[in-house]
Protein backbone atom coordinates (compact mmCIF):
# COMPACT_ATOMS: atom_id res chain seq x y z
CA MET A 1 115.44 71.28 88.48
CA ASN A 2 114.48 68.22 90.34
CA LEU A 3 111.67 66.46 89.10
CA LYS A 4 110.33 62.99 89.96
CA PRO A 5 111.13 60.25 86.99
CA GLU A 6 107.08 60.07 86.61
CA THR A 7 106.62 63.67 86.31
CA LEU A 8 109.27 63.60 83.45
CA ARG A 9 107.88 60.55 81.81
CA ALA A 10 104.49 62.81 81.87
CA ILE A 11 106.00 65.82 80.38
CA ASP A 12 107.69 63.76 77.71
CA GLU A 13 104.40 62.00 76.75
CA VAL A 14 102.26 65.28 77.15
CA ILE A 15 104.31 67.01 74.45
CA THR A 16 103.68 64.36 71.63
CA HIS A 17 100.02 65.17 72.00
CA TYR A 18 100.69 68.69 70.39
CA PRO A 19 101.88 69.26 66.84
CA VAL A 20 103.60 72.38 67.80
CA LYS A 21 105.86 72.10 70.99
CA ARG A 22 105.26 75.54 72.37
CA SER A 23 101.39 74.61 72.74
CA ALA A 24 102.58 72.26 75.57
CA VAL A 25 103.57 74.95 77.97
CA LEU A 26 100.57 75.40 80.12
CA PRO A 27 100.19 71.66 80.60
CA LEU A 28 104.05 71.45 81.45
CA LEU A 29 103.42 73.95 83.98
CA HIS A 30 100.77 72.28 85.50
CA LEU A 31 102.66 69.14 85.82
CA ILE A 32 105.77 70.76 87.45
CA GLN A 33 103.57 72.70 89.78
CA GLU A 34 101.77 69.34 90.81
CA ASP A 35 105.40 67.91 91.42
CA VAL A 36 107.25 70.74 93.17
CA GLY A 37 104.44 72.99 94.28
CA PHE A 38 105.15 76.32 92.29
CA ILE A 39 106.97 77.32 89.19
CA SER A 40 110.40 78.57 89.84
CA GLY A 41 112.88 80.66 87.75
CA ASP A 42 114.54 77.44 87.23
CA ALA A 43 111.23 75.81 85.94
CA ILE A 44 110.75 78.68 83.62
CA GLU A 45 114.08 78.31 81.95
CA TRP A 46 113.91 74.40 81.92
CA VAL A 47 110.45 74.36 80.13
CA ALA A 48 111.77 76.94 77.72
CA THR A 49 114.75 74.89 76.88
CA LYS A 50 112.33 71.66 76.59
CA LEU A 51 110.11 73.45 74.25
CA GLU A 52 112.68 75.46 72.42
CA LEU A 53 111.33 78.89 73.46
CA GLU A 54 112.82 81.85 74.96
CA PRO A 55 112.19 81.96 78.81
CA ILE A 56 110.01 85.02 78.49
CA ASN A 57 107.55 83.17 76.51
CA VAL A 58 107.02 80.90 79.22
CA TYR A 59 107.10 83.33 82.12
CA GLU A 60 104.30 85.32 80.23
CA VAL A 61 102.03 82.34 80.61
CA VAL A 62 103.31 81.79 84.27
CA THR A 63 102.22 85.46 85.13
CA PHE A 64 99.06 85.50 83.11
CA TYR A 65 97.20 82.49 84.65
CA PRO A 66 96.43 83.04 88.47
CA MET A 67 96.39 79.30 89.24
CA LEU A 68 100.25 79.10 88.73
CA ARG A 69 102.31 79.96 91.64
CA GLN A 70 105.68 81.35 91.62
CA LYS A 71 106.49 80.98 95.20
CA PRO A 72 105.69 78.00 97.65
CA ILE A 73 102.61 77.92 99.74
CA GLY A 74 101.65 76.14 102.81
CA ARG A 75 100.55 72.22 102.80
CA ARG A 76 97.03 73.27 102.72
CA HIS A 77 95.85 75.80 99.88
CA ILE A 78 92.45 77.79 101.17
CA LYS A 79 90.96 79.80 98.30
CA VAL A 80 88.24 82.08 99.28
CA CYS A 81 85.88 83.30 96.85
CA ARG A 82 85.90 87.20 96.46
CA THR A 83 83.31 87.93 93.21
CA LEU A 84 80.17 89.77 93.94
CA SER A 85 77.76 86.91 95.51
CA CYS A 86 80.44 85.58 97.75
CA ALA A 87 81.36 89.28 98.54
CA LEU A 88 77.61 90.40 99.39
CA MET A 89 77.14 87.13 101.46
CA GLY A 90 80.06 87.69 103.86
CA GLY A 91 83.19 86.39 101.95
CA TYR A 92 85.20 89.17 103.11
CA LYS A 93 84.45 88.17 106.89
CA THR A 94 85.20 84.68 106.27
CA CYS A 95 88.58 85.21 104.77
CA GLU A 96 89.32 87.74 107.59
CA THR A 97 88.11 84.91 110.06
CA LEU A 98 90.65 82.25 108.54
CA GLU A 99 93.44 84.70 108.50
CA GLN A 100 92.66 85.22 112.38
CA GLU A 101 92.42 81.46 112.86
CA PHE A 102 95.75 80.70 111.17
CA GLY A 103 97.70 83.59 112.19
CA THR A 104 98.41 84.85 108.69
CA HIS A 105 97.53 86.94 106.00
CA ARG A 106 96.55 86.20 102.28
CA GLY A 107 99.03 85.26 100.06
CA GLU A 108 101.59 84.20 103.10
CA ILE A 109 102.41 80.76 104.65
CA SER A 110 100.84 80.46 108.07
CA PRO A 111 103.71 80.39 110.75
CA ASP A 112 103.26 76.38 111.16
CA GLY A 113 103.76 76.13 107.64
CA GLU A 114 100.30 74.76 107.52
CA VAL A 115 98.22 76.88 105.09
CA THR A 116 98.14 79.63 102.57
CA ILE A 117 95.00 81.66 102.34
CA GLU A 118 94.14 83.44 98.79
CA PHE A 119 91.11 85.45 97.27
CA VAL A 120 90.39 84.13 94.23
CA GLU A 121 87.84 84.90 91.43
CA CYS A 122 84.80 82.94 91.17
CA LEU A 123 84.58 79.50 92.40
CA ALA A 124 81.32 78.87 90.26
CA SER A 125 78.98 78.22 93.42
CA CYS A 126 77.35 81.53 93.44
CA GLY A 127 73.95 80.27 94.66
CA THR A 128 75.72 79.05 97.95
CA ALA A 129 77.84 81.73 98.62
CA PRO A 130 80.27 82.43 100.35
CA VAL A 131 82.66 79.68 99.41
CA VAL A 132 85.76 78.37 99.99
CA MET A 133 87.99 75.73 98.34
CA ILE A 134 90.52 73.77 100.54
CA ASP A 135 92.95 72.24 98.17
CA ASP A 136 90.29 70.67 95.74
CA ASP A 137 87.45 70.27 98.43
CA LEU A 138 84.66 72.94 97.88
CA HIS A 139 82.91 74.28 101.04
CA GLU A 140 79.58 76.04 100.55
CA ASN A 141 77.68 78.54 102.72
CA VAL A 142 80.88 79.54 104.68
CA ASP A 143 79.87 82.00 107.25
CA VAL A 144 82.09 82.97 110.39
CA ALA A 145 81.14 80.03 112.41
CA LYS A 146 81.59 77.38 109.47
CA ALA A 147 85.26 79.25 108.80
CA LYS A 148 86.31 78.40 112.51
CA GLU A 149 85.00 75.13 112.22
CA LEU A 150 87.02 74.33 108.84
CA ALA A 151 90.00 75.73 110.69
CA ARG A 152 89.63 73.74 113.68
CA ARG A 153 89.30 70.49 111.39
CA ILE A 154 92.54 71.45 109.40
CA LYS A 155 94.74 72.08 112.95
CA ALA A 156 93.37 69.08 114.29
CA GLU A 157 94.66 67.16 111.15
CA ALA A 158 98.10 68.70 111.39
CA ALA A 159 98.22 67.97 114.77
CA GLY A 160 97.21 64.24 114.34
CA ARG A 161 100.23 64.35 111.54
CA ALA A 162 102.50 65.61 114.08
CA LYS A 163 102.00 62.98 116.68
CA PRO A 164 103.58 59.67 116.44
CA ALA A 165 101.56 56.81 115.63
CA ALA A 166 99.77 55.25 118.57
CA SER A 167 99.17 51.76 118.76
CA SER A 168 95.22 50.99 118.36
CA GLU A 169 93.32 49.74 120.78
């Protein structure tokens, strides 16, 4: 497994915070996912070895927590709340709109590699439903029109990254 040196240092430091090594499983998985983007089978084996556990002990943590991913996602991660408030206020339509805008389905990477859209449990903003989290930014009252606007912004940012830098003025 190929982790950045700063991730390896953070892992070694985090382990020292726990009197029992196995307690560091979740923090280590978060650090690895932050570095690599997901938790691979190799990562599960590596964490198990590092913490002197059986791989199944790490695997059960990976499969229990929905925020841990076992496969790569797009550059941008769009999470649409599907719990009751958001569902009643149009969250399913919001999710369908985003899927149409990016030509993808939930859990898949869009053809351009830009986004992965997922339905998630509560994003803790029921009073402003439906809500969408794009990476770490919460967007409230996301109806179809606002979903299209968010998609337009993401596409524009992606197009801006794809163009060579132009000289200013």
